[in-house]
N, C-alpha and C. Protein backbone atom coordinates (compact mmCIF):
# COMPACT_ATOMS: atom_id res chain seq x y z
N MET A 1 18.57 8.59 -39.62
CA MET A 1 18.95 7.90 -38.37
C MET A 1 18.51 8.72 -37.15
N PHE A 2 18.79 10.05 -37.23
CA PHE A 2 18.42 10.90 -36.10
C PHE A 2 16.90 10.97 -35.94
N LEU A 3 16.18 10.98 -37.09
CA LEU A 3 14.72 11.02 -37.04
C LEU A 3 14.17 9.75 -36.40
N ALA A 4 14.76 8.60 -36.76
CA ALA A 4 14.33 7.32 -36.20
C ALA A 4 14.57 7.29 -34.69
N ALA A 5 15.72 7.81 -34.27
CA ALA A 5 16.04 7.84 -32.84
C ALA A 5 15.07 8.73 -32.09
N ALA A 6 14.71 9.87 -32.70
CA ALA A 6 13.77 10.78 -32.06
C ALA A 6 12.40 10.15 -31.92
N LEU A 7 11.95 9.46 -32.98
CA LEU A 7 10.66 8.78 -32.94
C LEU A 7 10.64 7.69 -31.88
N LEU A 8 11.76 6.95 -31.76
CA LEU A 8 11.86 5.89 -30.75
C LEU A 8 11.78 6.47 -29.35
N ALA A 9 12.40 7.63 -29.15
CA ALA A 9 12.37 8.28 -27.83
C ALA A 9 10.95 8.70 -27.49
N VAL A 10 10.21 9.21 -28.48
CA VAL A 10 8.83 9.63 -28.25
C VAL A 10 7.95 8.43 -27.90
N VAL A 11 8.13 7.31 -28.62
CA VAL A 11 7.35 6.09 -28.37
C VAL A 11 7.66 5.55 -26.97
N SER A 12 8.95 5.55 -26.59
CA SER A 12 9.35 5.05 -25.27
C SER A 12 8.74 5.89 -24.17
N LEU A 13 8.69 7.21 -24.36
CA LEU A 13 8.11 8.09 -23.37
C LEU A 13 6.62 7.83 -23.24
N ALA A 14 5.95 7.60 -24.37
CA ALA A 14 4.51 7.33 -24.33
C ALA A 14 4.22 6.03 -23.61
N ASN A 15 5.07 5.02 -23.84
CA ASN A 15 4.87 3.72 -23.20
C ASN A 15 5.13 3.78 -21.70
N ALA A 16 5.89 4.79 -21.26
CA ALA A 16 6.23 4.90 -19.84
C ALA A 16 5.16 5.60 -19.03
N GLN A 17 4.14 6.13 -19.70
CA GLN A 17 3.08 6.84 -19.00
C GLN A 17 2.22 5.87 -18.19
N ALA A 18 1.72 6.36 -17.06
CA ALA A 18 0.93 5.50 -16.17
C ALA A 18 -0.43 5.20 -16.77
N PRO A 19 -0.95 3.97 -16.58
CA PRO A 19 -2.32 3.63 -17.02
C PRO A 19 -3.33 4.52 -16.31
N ALA A 20 -4.50 4.70 -16.90
CA ALA A 20 -5.52 5.60 -16.36
C ALA A 20 -5.96 5.21 -14.95
N ASN A 21 -5.96 3.90 -14.65
CA ASN A 21 -6.42 3.44 -13.34
C ASN A 21 -5.29 3.23 -12.33
N ALA A 22 -4.07 3.65 -12.68
CA ALA A 22 -2.94 3.42 -11.80
C ALA A 22 -3.05 4.25 -10.53
N PRO A 23 -2.79 3.64 -9.36
CA PRO A 23 -2.88 4.39 -8.11
C PRO A 23 -1.68 5.28 -7.83
N TYR A 24 -0.53 5.01 -8.46
CA TYR A 24 0.68 5.77 -8.20
C TYR A 24 1.13 6.54 -9.44
N GLY A 25 1.85 7.63 -9.23
CA GLY A 25 2.43 8.39 -10.32
C GLY A 25 3.90 8.09 -10.51
N VAL A 26 4.40 7.04 -9.88
CA VAL A 26 5.79 6.59 -10.00
C VAL A 26 5.78 5.15 -10.50
N LYS A 27 6.65 4.81 -11.47
CA LYS A 27 6.62 3.50 -12.11
C LYS A 27 6.90 2.37 -11.12
N SER A 28 8.00 2.44 -10.38
CA SER A 28 8.35 1.34 -9.48
C SER A 28 9.29 1.84 -8.39
N GLY A 29 9.33 1.10 -7.28
CA GLY A 29 10.20 1.50 -6.19
C GLY A 29 9.94 0.75 -4.91
N VAL A 30 10.53 1.25 -3.82
CA VAL A 30 10.39 0.63 -2.50
C VAL A 30 10.12 1.73 -1.47
N ILE A 31 9.10 1.52 -0.63
CA ILE A 31 8.75 2.46 0.43
C ILE A 31 9.01 1.77 1.76
N THR A 32 9.87 2.34 2.59
CA THR A 32 10.15 1.79 3.91
C THR A 32 9.43 2.62 4.97
N MET A 33 8.48 2.00 5.67
CA MET A 33 7.67 2.69 6.66
C MET A 33 7.99 2.21 8.07
N SER A 34 7.86 3.14 9.03
CA SER A 34 8.10 2.82 10.43
C SER A 34 6.83 3.07 11.22
N MET A 35 6.52 2.14 12.15
CA MET A 35 5.34 2.28 13.00
C MET A 35 5.69 1.88 14.42
N ASP A 36 5.23 2.67 15.38
CA ASP A 36 5.47 2.37 16.80
C ASP A 36 4.40 1.39 17.28
N MET A 37 4.84 0.17 17.65
CA MET A 37 3.93 -0.85 18.14
C MET A 37 4.20 -1.07 19.63
N MET A 38 3.49 -0.28 20.45
CA MET A 38 3.62 -0.40 21.91
C MET A 38 5.07 -0.32 22.36
N GLY A 39 5.77 0.70 21.83
CA GLY A 39 7.16 0.92 22.22
C GLY A 39 8.18 0.22 21.36
N ASN A 40 7.74 -0.66 20.46
CA ASN A 40 8.64 -1.36 19.55
C ASN A 40 8.44 -0.85 18.13
N GLU A 41 9.53 -0.63 17.41
CA GLU A 41 9.44 -0.16 16.03
C GLU A 41 9.15 -1.32 15.09
N MET A 42 8.10 -1.19 14.28
CA MET A 42 7.78 -2.19 13.27
C MET A 42 8.09 -1.59 11.90
N ILE A 43 8.97 -2.24 11.15
CA ILE A 43 9.38 -1.77 9.83
C ILE A 43 8.65 -2.57 8.75
N THR A 44 8.06 -1.86 7.81
CA THR A 44 7.37 -2.49 6.69
C THR A 44 7.91 -1.93 5.39
N GLU A 45 8.26 -2.80 4.47
CA GLU A 45 8.73 -2.39 3.14
C GLU A 45 7.66 -2.73 2.11
N THR A 46 7.25 -1.74 1.32
CA THR A 46 6.29 -1.97 0.26
C THR A 46 7.00 -1.82 -1.08
N TYR A 47 7.03 -2.90 -1.86
CA TYR A 47 7.60 -2.90 -3.20
C TYR A 47 6.45 -2.72 -4.19
N PHE A 48 6.67 -1.90 -5.23
CA PHE A 48 5.60 -1.71 -6.20
C PHE A 48 6.16 -1.59 -7.62
N ASP A 49 5.30 -1.92 -8.58
CA ASP A 49 5.64 -1.81 -10.00
C ASP A 49 4.37 -1.49 -10.77
N ASP A 50 4.53 -1.19 -12.07
CA ASP A 50 3.39 -0.83 -12.93
C ASP A 50 2.55 0.28 -12.29
N TYR A 51 3.23 1.27 -11.74
CA TYR A 51 2.57 2.43 -11.14
C TYR A 51 1.60 2.04 -10.01
N GLY A 52 1.99 1.04 -9.24
CA GLY A 52 1.19 0.63 -8.09
C GLY A 52 0.16 -0.44 -8.38
N LEU A 53 0.05 -0.88 -9.62
CA LEU A 53 -0.89 -1.96 -9.94
C LEU A 53 -0.38 -3.30 -9.41
N LYS A 54 0.92 -3.38 -9.16
CA LYS A 54 1.52 -4.54 -8.50
C LYS A 54 2.15 -4.05 -7.19
N THR A 55 1.79 -4.70 -6.08
CA THR A 55 2.37 -4.34 -4.79
C THR A 55 2.74 -5.59 -4.00
N ALA A 56 3.78 -5.46 -3.19
CA ALA A 56 4.19 -6.53 -2.29
C ALA A 56 4.70 -5.88 -1.02
N GLN A 57 4.10 -6.28 0.11
CA GLN A 57 4.47 -5.68 1.39
C GLN A 57 5.20 -6.72 2.23
N VAL A 58 6.41 -6.38 2.65
CA VAL A 58 7.24 -7.28 3.45
C VAL A 58 7.34 -6.73 4.86
N SER A 59 6.98 -7.56 5.86
CA SER A 59 7.03 -7.10 7.25
C SER A 59 7.50 -8.23 8.16
N GLU A 60 7.97 -7.81 9.32
CA GLU A 60 8.46 -8.76 10.33
C GLU A 60 7.51 -8.71 11.51
N GLY A 61 6.94 -9.85 11.90
CA GLY A 61 6.00 -9.89 13.01
C GLY A 61 4.68 -9.26 12.64
N GLY A 62 3.98 -8.68 13.60
CA GLY A 62 2.67 -8.08 13.36
C GLY A 62 2.03 -7.73 14.67
N PHE A 63 0.71 -7.51 14.64
CA PHE A 63 0.00 -7.14 15.85
C PHE A 63 0.09 -8.26 16.90
N MET A 64 0.09 -9.50 16.45
CA MET A 64 0.17 -10.62 17.38
C MET A 64 1.62 -11.02 17.66
N GLY A 65 2.52 -10.60 16.76
CA GLY A 65 3.94 -10.89 16.94
C GLY A 65 4.27 -12.35 16.68
N GLY A 66 5.55 -12.63 16.53
CA GLY A 66 6.05 -14.00 16.45
C GLY A 66 5.70 -14.76 15.19
N GLU A 67 5.30 -14.08 14.10
CA GLU A 67 4.95 -14.83 12.90
C GLU A 67 6.05 -14.78 11.84
N GLY A 68 7.20 -14.19 12.18
CA GLY A 68 8.32 -14.15 11.26
C GLY A 68 8.10 -13.17 10.13
N LYS A 69 8.97 -13.24 9.13
CA LYS A 69 8.89 -12.32 8.00
C LYS A 69 7.90 -12.85 6.96
N THR A 70 6.97 -12.00 6.55
CA THR A 70 5.97 -12.38 5.55
C THR A 70 5.98 -11.38 4.40
N ARG A 71 5.52 -11.85 3.23
CA ARG A 71 5.41 -11.02 2.04
C ARG A 71 3.97 -11.11 1.55
N THR A 72 3.30 -9.97 1.45
CA THR A 72 1.90 -9.96 1.05
C THR A 72 1.76 -9.28 -0.30
N ILE A 73 1.19 -10.00 -1.26
CA ILE A 73 0.97 -9.44 -2.59
C ILE A 73 -0.53 -9.24 -2.81
N THR A 74 -0.87 -8.32 -3.71
CA THR A 74 -2.27 -8.03 -4.03
C THR A 74 -2.54 -8.43 -5.46
N ASP A 75 -3.56 -9.28 -5.69
CA ASP A 75 -3.83 -9.72 -7.05
C ASP A 75 -4.73 -8.72 -7.78
N LYS A 76 -5.06 -9.01 -9.04
CA LYS A 76 -5.81 -8.07 -9.88
C LYS A 76 -7.21 -7.78 -9.35
N ASP A 77 -7.77 -8.66 -8.52
CA ASP A 77 -9.11 -8.46 -7.97
C ASP A 77 -9.08 -7.77 -6.60
N GLY A 78 -7.90 -7.44 -6.11
CA GLY A 78 -7.79 -6.79 -4.82
C GLY A 78 -7.62 -7.75 -3.66
N ALA A 79 -7.74 -9.06 -3.91
CA ALA A 79 -7.50 -10.05 -2.85
C ALA A 79 -6.00 -10.07 -2.52
N GLN A 80 -5.68 -10.45 -1.28
CA GLN A 80 -4.30 -10.43 -0.83
C GLN A 80 -3.81 -11.83 -0.50
N ILE A 81 -2.57 -12.11 -0.84
CA ILE A 81 -1.95 -13.40 -0.57
C ILE A 81 -0.73 -13.18 0.31
N ARG A 82 -0.77 -13.72 1.53
CA ARG A 82 0.35 -13.59 2.46
C ARG A 82 1.25 -14.81 2.32
N ILE A 83 2.52 -14.57 2.03
CA ILE A 83 3.47 -15.63 1.75
C ILE A 83 4.58 -15.63 2.80
N ASN A 84 4.86 -16.82 3.34
CA ASN A 84 6.02 -16.99 4.21
C ASN A 84 7.03 -17.80 3.39
N ASP A 85 8.01 -17.10 2.82
CA ASP A 85 8.97 -17.76 1.93
C ASP A 85 9.81 -18.80 2.65
N ALA A 86 10.11 -18.55 3.93
CA ALA A 86 10.94 -19.50 4.69
C ALA A 86 10.19 -20.81 4.93
N GLU A 87 8.91 -20.72 5.25
CA GLU A 87 8.12 -21.91 5.55
C GLU A 87 7.41 -22.47 4.33
N LYS A 88 7.50 -21.73 3.20
CA LYS A 88 6.88 -22.15 1.93
C LYS A 88 5.36 -22.35 2.09
N THR A 89 4.71 -21.34 2.69
CA THR A 89 3.26 -21.36 2.86
C THR A 89 2.68 -20.07 2.29
N ALA A 90 1.40 -20.13 1.92
CA ALA A 90 0.72 -18.95 1.38
C ALA A 90 -0.76 -19.01 1.75
N THR A 91 -1.31 -17.87 2.20
CA THR A 91 -2.71 -17.78 2.59
C THR A 91 -3.37 -16.63 1.85
N LYS A 92 -4.54 -16.89 1.27
CA LYS A 92 -5.25 -15.87 0.50
C LYS A 92 -6.37 -15.26 1.32
N PHE A 93 -6.41 -13.92 1.37
CA PHE A 93 -7.44 -13.17 2.06
C PHE A 93 -8.30 -12.45 1.03
N PRO A 94 -9.61 -12.36 1.23
CA PRO A 94 -10.46 -11.66 0.27
C PRO A 94 -10.16 -10.17 0.24
N ALA A 95 -10.59 -9.48 -0.82
CA ALA A 95 -10.39 -8.04 -0.93
C ALA A 95 -10.95 -7.33 0.29
N GLY A 96 -10.15 -6.44 0.88
CA GLY A 96 -10.58 -5.72 2.07
C GLY A 96 -10.40 -6.50 3.34
N GLY A 97 -9.72 -7.66 3.26
CA GLY A 97 -9.55 -8.52 4.43
C GLY A 97 -8.37 -8.12 5.27
N MET A 98 -7.73 -9.12 5.91
CA MET A 98 -6.70 -8.85 6.90
C MET A 98 -5.29 -9.09 6.38
N GLY A 99 -5.11 -9.12 5.08
CA GLY A 99 -3.80 -9.48 4.54
C GLY A 99 -2.69 -8.50 4.84
N MET A 100 -3.02 -7.19 4.92
CA MET A 100 -1.99 -6.20 5.12
C MET A 100 -2.25 -5.39 6.37
N GLY A 101 -1.21 -4.75 6.84
CA GLY A 101 -1.33 -3.92 8.03
C GLY A 101 -1.88 -2.54 7.73
N PHE A 102 -1.87 -1.70 8.74
CA PHE A 102 -2.38 -0.33 8.66
C PHE A 102 -1.63 0.45 7.59
N GLY A 103 -2.40 1.08 6.66
CA GLY A 103 -1.78 1.91 5.65
C GLY A 103 -1.04 1.13 4.59
N GLY A 104 -1.35 -0.14 4.36
CA GLY A 104 -0.64 -0.97 3.42
C GLY A 104 -1.03 -0.72 1.98
N GLY A 105 -0.67 -1.65 1.09
CA GLY A 105 -0.82 -1.46 -0.32
C GLY A 105 -2.08 -1.97 -0.93
N ASN A 106 -3.11 -2.17 -0.15
CA ASN A 106 -4.37 -2.69 -0.67
C ASN A 106 -4.97 -1.74 -1.68
N ARG A 107 -5.14 -2.18 -2.94
CA ARG A 107 -5.66 -1.32 -3.99
C ARG A 107 -7.13 -0.99 -3.80
N ALA A 108 -7.82 -1.66 -2.89
CA ALA A 108 -9.22 -1.34 -2.63
C ALA A 108 -9.36 -0.02 -1.89
N GLN A 109 -8.24 0.53 -1.40
CA GLN A 109 -8.26 1.80 -0.70
C GLN A 109 -8.41 2.94 -1.70
N ILE A 110 -8.48 4.16 -1.20
CA ILE A 110 -8.67 5.34 -2.05
C ILE A 110 -7.51 5.49 -3.03
N ASN A 111 -7.86 5.78 -4.29
CA ASN A 111 -6.85 6.05 -5.31
C ASN A 111 -6.50 7.54 -5.23
N TRP A 112 -5.42 7.85 -4.52
CA TRP A 112 -5.02 9.24 -4.33
C TRP A 112 -4.46 9.86 -5.59
N ASN A 113 -4.13 9.04 -6.57
CA ASN A 113 -3.63 9.53 -7.84
C ASN A 113 -4.76 9.96 -8.76
N ASN A 114 -5.99 9.59 -8.40
CA ASN A 114 -7.18 9.95 -9.19
C ASN A 114 -8.29 10.30 -8.22
N LEU A 115 -8.12 11.40 -7.51
CA LEU A 115 -9.04 11.80 -6.44
C LEU A 115 -10.18 12.62 -7.03
N THR A 116 -11.36 12.00 -7.14
CA THR A 116 -12.51 12.68 -7.73
C THR A 116 -13.28 13.46 -6.66
N ASP A 117 -14.13 14.38 -7.12
CA ASP A 117 -14.96 15.16 -6.20
C ASP A 117 -15.89 14.26 -5.40
N GLN A 118 -16.38 13.18 -6.03
CA GLN A 118 -17.30 12.27 -5.34
C GLN A 118 -16.58 11.52 -4.22
N VAL A 119 -15.35 11.09 -4.48
CA VAL A 119 -14.56 10.40 -3.45
C VAL A 119 -14.26 11.34 -2.30
N LYS A 120 -13.95 12.59 -2.62
CA LYS A 120 -13.70 13.59 -1.57
C LYS A 120 -14.93 13.78 -0.70
N LYS A 121 -16.09 13.86 -1.34
CA LYS A 121 -17.35 14.07 -0.60
C LYS A 121 -17.68 12.86 0.26
N ASP A 122 -17.54 11.65 -0.30
CA ASP A 122 -17.90 10.42 0.42
C ASP A 122 -17.02 10.20 1.65
N ASN A 123 -15.77 10.66 1.59
CA ASN A 123 -14.82 10.40 2.68
C ASN A 123 -14.46 11.66 3.47
N ASN A 124 -15.18 12.77 3.18
CA ASN A 124 -14.93 14.04 3.88
C ASN A 124 -13.44 14.41 3.80
N ILE A 125 -12.87 14.31 2.60
CA ILE A 125 -11.45 14.58 2.38
C ILE A 125 -11.23 16.08 2.17
N LYS A 126 -10.26 16.63 2.90
CA LYS A 126 -9.93 18.05 2.78
C LYS A 126 -8.41 18.22 2.66
N GLU A 127 -7.98 19.04 1.71
CA GLU A 127 -6.56 19.34 1.57
C GLU A 127 -6.19 20.43 2.57
N VAL A 128 -5.14 20.17 3.36
CA VAL A 128 -4.81 21.10 4.45
C VAL A 128 -3.38 21.63 4.38
N GLY A 129 -2.67 21.41 3.29
CA GLY A 129 -1.34 21.99 3.17
C GLY A 129 -0.31 21.07 2.51
N LYS A 130 0.94 21.49 2.58
CA LYS A 130 2.07 20.75 2.01
C LYS A 130 3.10 20.48 3.12
N GLU A 131 3.81 19.36 2.98
CA GLU A 131 4.86 19.03 3.96
C GLU A 131 5.82 18.04 3.32
N THR A 132 7.11 18.17 3.63
CA THR A 132 8.11 17.28 3.06
C THR A 132 8.33 16.07 3.97
N ILE A 133 8.16 14.87 3.39
CA ILE A 133 8.37 13.60 4.10
C ILE A 133 9.38 12.79 3.31
N ALA A 134 10.44 12.32 3.96
CA ALA A 134 11.48 11.50 3.32
C ALA A 134 12.02 12.17 2.05
N GLY A 135 12.14 13.49 2.10
CA GLY A 135 12.69 14.23 0.97
C GLY A 135 11.73 14.51 -0.16
N LYS A 136 10.45 14.14 0.00
CA LYS A 136 9.45 14.34 -1.06
C LYS A 136 8.38 15.31 -0.57
N GLU A 137 8.04 16.30 -1.42
CA GLU A 137 6.99 17.22 -1.04
C GLU A 137 5.62 16.54 -1.18
N CYS A 138 4.91 16.46 -0.09
CA CYS A 138 3.61 15.77 -0.05
C CYS A 138 2.47 16.76 0.12
N THR A 139 1.30 16.37 -0.37
CA THR A 139 0.06 17.09 -0.08
C THR A 139 -0.58 16.44 1.13
N LYS A 140 -0.98 17.24 2.09
CA LYS A 140 -1.54 16.75 3.34
C LYS A 140 -3.06 16.83 3.29
N TYR A 141 -3.72 15.71 3.62
CA TYR A 141 -5.19 15.64 3.62
C TYR A 141 -5.69 15.15 4.97
N THR A 142 -6.88 15.58 5.33
CA THR A 142 -7.61 14.99 6.45
C THR A 142 -8.84 14.29 5.87
N MET A 143 -9.32 13.25 6.57
CA MET A 143 -10.47 12.49 6.10
C MET A 143 -11.13 11.79 7.28
N THR A 144 -12.35 11.30 7.04
CA THR A 144 -13.08 10.53 8.05
C THR A 144 -13.15 9.08 7.59
N VAL A 145 -12.78 8.14 8.47
CA VAL A 145 -12.81 6.72 8.13
C VAL A 145 -13.69 5.97 9.11
N ASP A 146 -14.21 4.83 8.66
CA ASP A 146 -15.05 4.00 9.51
C ASP A 146 -14.24 2.82 10.03
N MET A 147 -14.12 2.70 11.35
CA MET A 147 -13.41 1.60 11.99
C MET A 147 -14.41 0.77 12.77
N MET A 148 -14.89 -0.32 12.14
CA MET A 148 -15.85 -1.23 12.78
C MET A 148 -17.07 -0.47 13.33
N GLY A 149 -17.58 0.46 12.52
CA GLY A 149 -18.79 1.20 12.90
C GLY A 149 -18.55 2.49 13.63
N ASN A 150 -17.30 2.76 14.00
CA ASN A 150 -16.96 4.00 14.69
C ASN A 150 -16.22 4.95 13.75
N GLN A 151 -16.58 6.24 13.76
CA GLN A 151 -15.94 7.23 12.92
C GLN A 151 -14.64 7.71 13.55
N SER A 152 -13.56 7.70 12.76
CA SER A 152 -12.26 8.17 13.24
C SER A 152 -11.69 9.16 12.24
N GLU A 153 -10.83 10.05 12.74
CA GLU A 153 -10.19 11.04 11.88
C GLU A 153 -8.80 10.53 11.47
N GLN A 154 -8.50 10.66 10.17
CA GLN A 154 -7.20 10.23 9.67
C GLN A 154 -6.56 11.37 8.87
N THR A 155 -5.24 11.50 9.01
CA THR A 155 -4.48 12.46 8.23
C THR A 155 -3.47 11.69 7.40
N VAL A 156 -3.36 12.02 6.12
CA VAL A 156 -2.42 11.33 5.24
C VAL A 156 -1.57 12.35 4.48
N TRP A 157 -0.33 11.94 4.20
CA TRP A 157 0.60 12.77 3.43
C TRP A 157 0.87 12.03 2.13
N ILE A 158 0.52 12.62 0.99
CA ILE A 158 0.53 11.93 -0.30
C ILE A 158 1.56 12.53 -1.26
N TYR A 159 2.39 11.64 -1.84
CA TYR A 159 3.34 12.03 -2.89
C TYR A 159 3.03 11.22 -4.14
N LYS A 160 2.55 11.88 -5.17
CA LYS A 160 2.21 11.22 -6.43
C LYS A 160 1.35 9.98 -6.21
N GLY A 161 0.33 10.12 -5.36
CA GLY A 161 -0.60 9.02 -5.10
C GLY A 161 -0.17 8.07 -4.01
N ILE A 162 1.04 8.24 -3.47
CA ILE A 162 1.62 7.29 -2.50
C ILE A 162 1.59 7.89 -1.10
N GLN A 163 1.07 7.11 -0.14
CA GLN A 163 1.09 7.55 1.25
C GLN A 163 2.50 7.42 1.82
N LEU A 164 3.08 8.55 2.23
CA LEU A 164 4.39 8.52 2.88
C LEU A 164 4.28 8.75 4.38
N LYS A 165 3.08 9.09 4.84
CA LYS A 165 2.84 9.20 6.27
C LYS A 165 1.34 9.14 6.50
N ASN A 166 0.93 8.55 7.62
CA ASN A 166 -0.49 8.54 7.98
C ASN A 166 -0.63 8.52 9.49
N GLU A 167 -1.66 9.18 9.97
CA GLU A 167 -1.96 9.20 11.40
C GLU A 167 -3.47 9.05 11.58
N MET A 168 -3.87 8.26 12.55
CA MET A 168 -5.29 8.08 12.83
C MET A 168 -5.55 8.33 14.31
N THR A 169 -6.60 9.09 14.57
CA THR A 169 -7.01 9.38 15.94
C THR A 169 -8.33 8.68 16.22
N SER A 170 -8.35 7.87 17.30
CA SER A 170 -9.55 7.14 17.68
C SER A 170 -9.66 7.12 19.20
N ASP A 171 -10.64 6.38 19.69
CA ASP A 171 -10.81 6.24 21.15
C ASP A 171 -9.61 5.55 21.79
N PHE A 172 -8.82 4.85 20.99
CA PHE A 172 -7.67 4.11 21.51
C PHE A 172 -6.39 4.95 21.48
N GLY A 173 -6.48 6.19 20.98
CA GLY A 173 -5.32 7.06 20.89
C GLY A 173 -4.96 7.38 19.45
N THR A 174 -3.77 7.93 19.25
CA THR A 174 -3.27 8.29 17.92
C THR A 174 -2.14 7.35 17.53
N PHE A 175 -2.22 6.81 16.32
CA PHE A 175 -1.17 5.93 15.84
C PHE A 175 -1.03 6.11 14.33
N GLY A 176 0.10 5.66 13.79
CA GLY A 176 0.31 5.82 12.36
C GLY A 176 1.68 5.34 11.92
N GLN A 177 2.01 5.63 10.66
CA GLN A 177 3.27 5.23 10.05
C GLN A 177 3.94 6.44 9.41
N THR A 178 5.27 6.39 9.35
CA THR A 178 6.04 7.44 8.68
C THR A 178 7.09 6.80 7.79
N CYS A 179 7.25 7.35 6.59
CA CYS A 179 8.24 6.83 5.65
C CYS A 179 9.65 7.20 6.11
N LYS A 180 10.51 6.19 6.22
CA LYS A 180 11.91 6.41 6.59
C LYS A 180 12.78 6.55 5.34
N LYS A 181 12.37 5.86 4.26
CA LYS A 181 13.14 5.90 3.02
C LYS A 181 12.23 5.62 1.83
N PHE A 182 12.37 6.42 0.78
CA PHE A 182 11.60 6.20 -0.44
C PHE A 182 12.57 6.09 -1.61
N GLU A 183 12.53 4.95 -2.31
CA GLU A 183 13.45 4.69 -3.41
C GLU A 183 12.68 4.46 -4.71
N GLU A 184 12.97 5.25 -5.71
CA GLU A 184 12.40 5.03 -7.04
C GLU A 184 13.39 4.18 -7.83
N LYS A 185 13.07 2.89 -8.00
CA LYS A 185 13.98 1.98 -8.69
C LYS A 185 13.22 0.77 -9.21
N ALA A 186 13.87 -0.01 -10.08
CA ALA A 186 13.24 -1.22 -10.63
C ALA A 186 13.13 -2.28 -9.54
N VAL A 187 12.06 -3.10 -9.63
CA VAL A 187 11.81 -4.17 -8.66
C VAL A 187 11.69 -5.49 -9.43
N ASP A 188 12.34 -6.53 -8.92
CA ASP A 188 12.31 -7.85 -9.57
C ASP A 188 10.88 -8.38 -9.61
N ALA A 189 10.47 -8.91 -10.77
CA ALA A 189 9.10 -9.40 -10.97
C ALA A 189 8.73 -10.51 -10.00
N SER A 190 9.71 -11.30 -9.52
CA SER A 190 9.43 -12.41 -8.61
C SER A 190 8.87 -11.94 -7.27
N MET A 191 9.08 -10.67 -6.95
CA MET A 191 8.57 -10.12 -5.68
C MET A 191 7.05 -10.18 -5.63
N PHE A 192 6.40 -10.16 -6.81
CA PHE A 192 4.94 -10.11 -6.88
C PHE A 192 4.31 -11.46 -7.24
N GLU A 193 5.08 -12.53 -7.09
CA GLU A 193 4.59 -13.85 -7.48
C GLU A 193 4.67 -14.84 -6.32
N VAL A 194 3.76 -15.83 -6.34
CA VAL A 194 3.83 -16.94 -5.39
C VAL A 194 4.90 -17.91 -5.91
N PRO A 195 5.86 -18.32 -5.08
CA PRO A 195 6.91 -19.23 -5.55
C PRO A 195 6.33 -20.53 -6.09
N ALA A 196 6.99 -21.07 -7.09
CA ALA A 196 6.56 -22.33 -7.69
C ALA A 196 6.53 -23.43 -6.64
N GLY A 197 5.48 -24.23 -6.65
CA GLY A 197 5.37 -25.35 -5.73
C GLY A 197 4.71 -25.01 -4.41
N VAL A 198 4.42 -23.73 -4.17
CA VAL A 198 3.76 -23.32 -2.92
C VAL A 198 2.25 -23.27 -3.14
N LYS A 199 1.50 -24.03 -2.35
CA LYS A 199 0.05 -24.08 -2.47
C LYS A 199 -0.59 -22.92 -1.70
N VAL A 200 -1.53 -22.22 -2.35
CA VAL A 200 -2.22 -21.10 -1.71
C VAL A 200 -3.49 -21.61 -1.03
N GLU A 201 -3.57 -21.41 0.28
CA GLU A 201 -4.73 -21.84 1.07
C GLU A 201 -5.68 -20.65 1.28
N GLU A 202 -6.98 -20.90 1.21
CA GLU A 202 -7.98 -19.86 1.46
C GLU A 202 -8.12 -19.66 2.97
N PHE A 203 -8.14 -18.39 3.42
CA PHE A 203 -8.27 -18.10 4.84
C PHE A 203 -9.75 -18.17 5.25
N ASP A 204 -10.02 -18.82 6.38
CA ASP A 204 -11.38 -18.96 6.90
C ASP A 204 -11.72 -17.74 7.75
N MET A 205 -12.45 -16.77 7.17
CA MET A 205 -12.77 -15.53 7.88
C MET A 205 -13.76 -15.74 9.01
N SER A 206 -14.52 -16.86 8.99
CA SER A 206 -15.55 -17.09 10.00
C SER A 206 -14.97 -17.25 11.40
N GLN A 207 -13.71 -17.62 11.50
CA GLN A 207 -13.11 -17.83 12.82
C GLN A 207 -12.91 -16.52 13.58
N PHE A 208 -13.08 -15.37 12.87
CA PHE A 208 -12.94 -14.09 13.53
C PHE A 208 -14.30 -13.53 13.95
N GLY A 209 -15.36 -14.30 13.84
CA GLY A 209 -16.66 -13.94 14.36
C GLY A 209 -17.22 -12.64 13.82
N GLY A 210 -17.02 -12.42 12.48
CA GLY A 210 -17.61 -11.24 11.87
C GLY A 210 -16.71 -10.05 11.80
N PHE A 211 -15.45 -10.18 12.29
CA PHE A 211 -14.53 -9.06 12.24
C PHE A 211 -13.57 -9.19 11.06
N GLY A 212 -13.90 -10.04 10.08
CA GLY A 212 -13.00 -10.28 8.96
C GLY A 212 -12.70 -9.06 8.14
N GLY A 213 -13.60 -8.07 8.11
CA GLY A 213 -13.36 -6.90 7.29
C GLY A 213 -12.51 -5.84 7.95
N PHE A 214 -12.00 -6.10 9.12
CA PHE A 214 -11.21 -5.11 9.85
C PHE A 214 -9.92 -4.83 9.10
């Protein structure tokens, strides 16, 4: 009996290990981020499961404001679906599109849980120290990012592959997000699904005159 229990514990531990392509080193949880939007605090909650292979970002308003609370999920191809549960609407954005805000859960971004030498070279990533954010010891990196053809400097604080803080410096000034609360806990599967009966509409990127990849 004891041998069987020991074997079961070993199997359960093996099954709990993260997949090789997982972006996070934590199974599931909720990240609450704060961002200063022209003097107003914007709170964004990112729910994740399967070590970050499933993500859902819940936010109130946005850069344009007045759009209410939305939930954005990322599908297996990296495309994003923005859902307004109150209005029962859903809009799909292509991978790398406008579905999520700054520093969101788009899996097309750098996999900090599997940072290769080539990725470091391509993005000029440098490790610059350690710092505690929301009670978690993070590794601090600097990198160069392309913003619509302009090079900008970004600093990120990473805990087990998860961004808990980010800052970007550009011609428009310095802005970023900071984690207010990080919870490692189970997340309901419905958070990552489009509600039954809600039709997903494709977003027309052409109306942004070529800025769809921003």
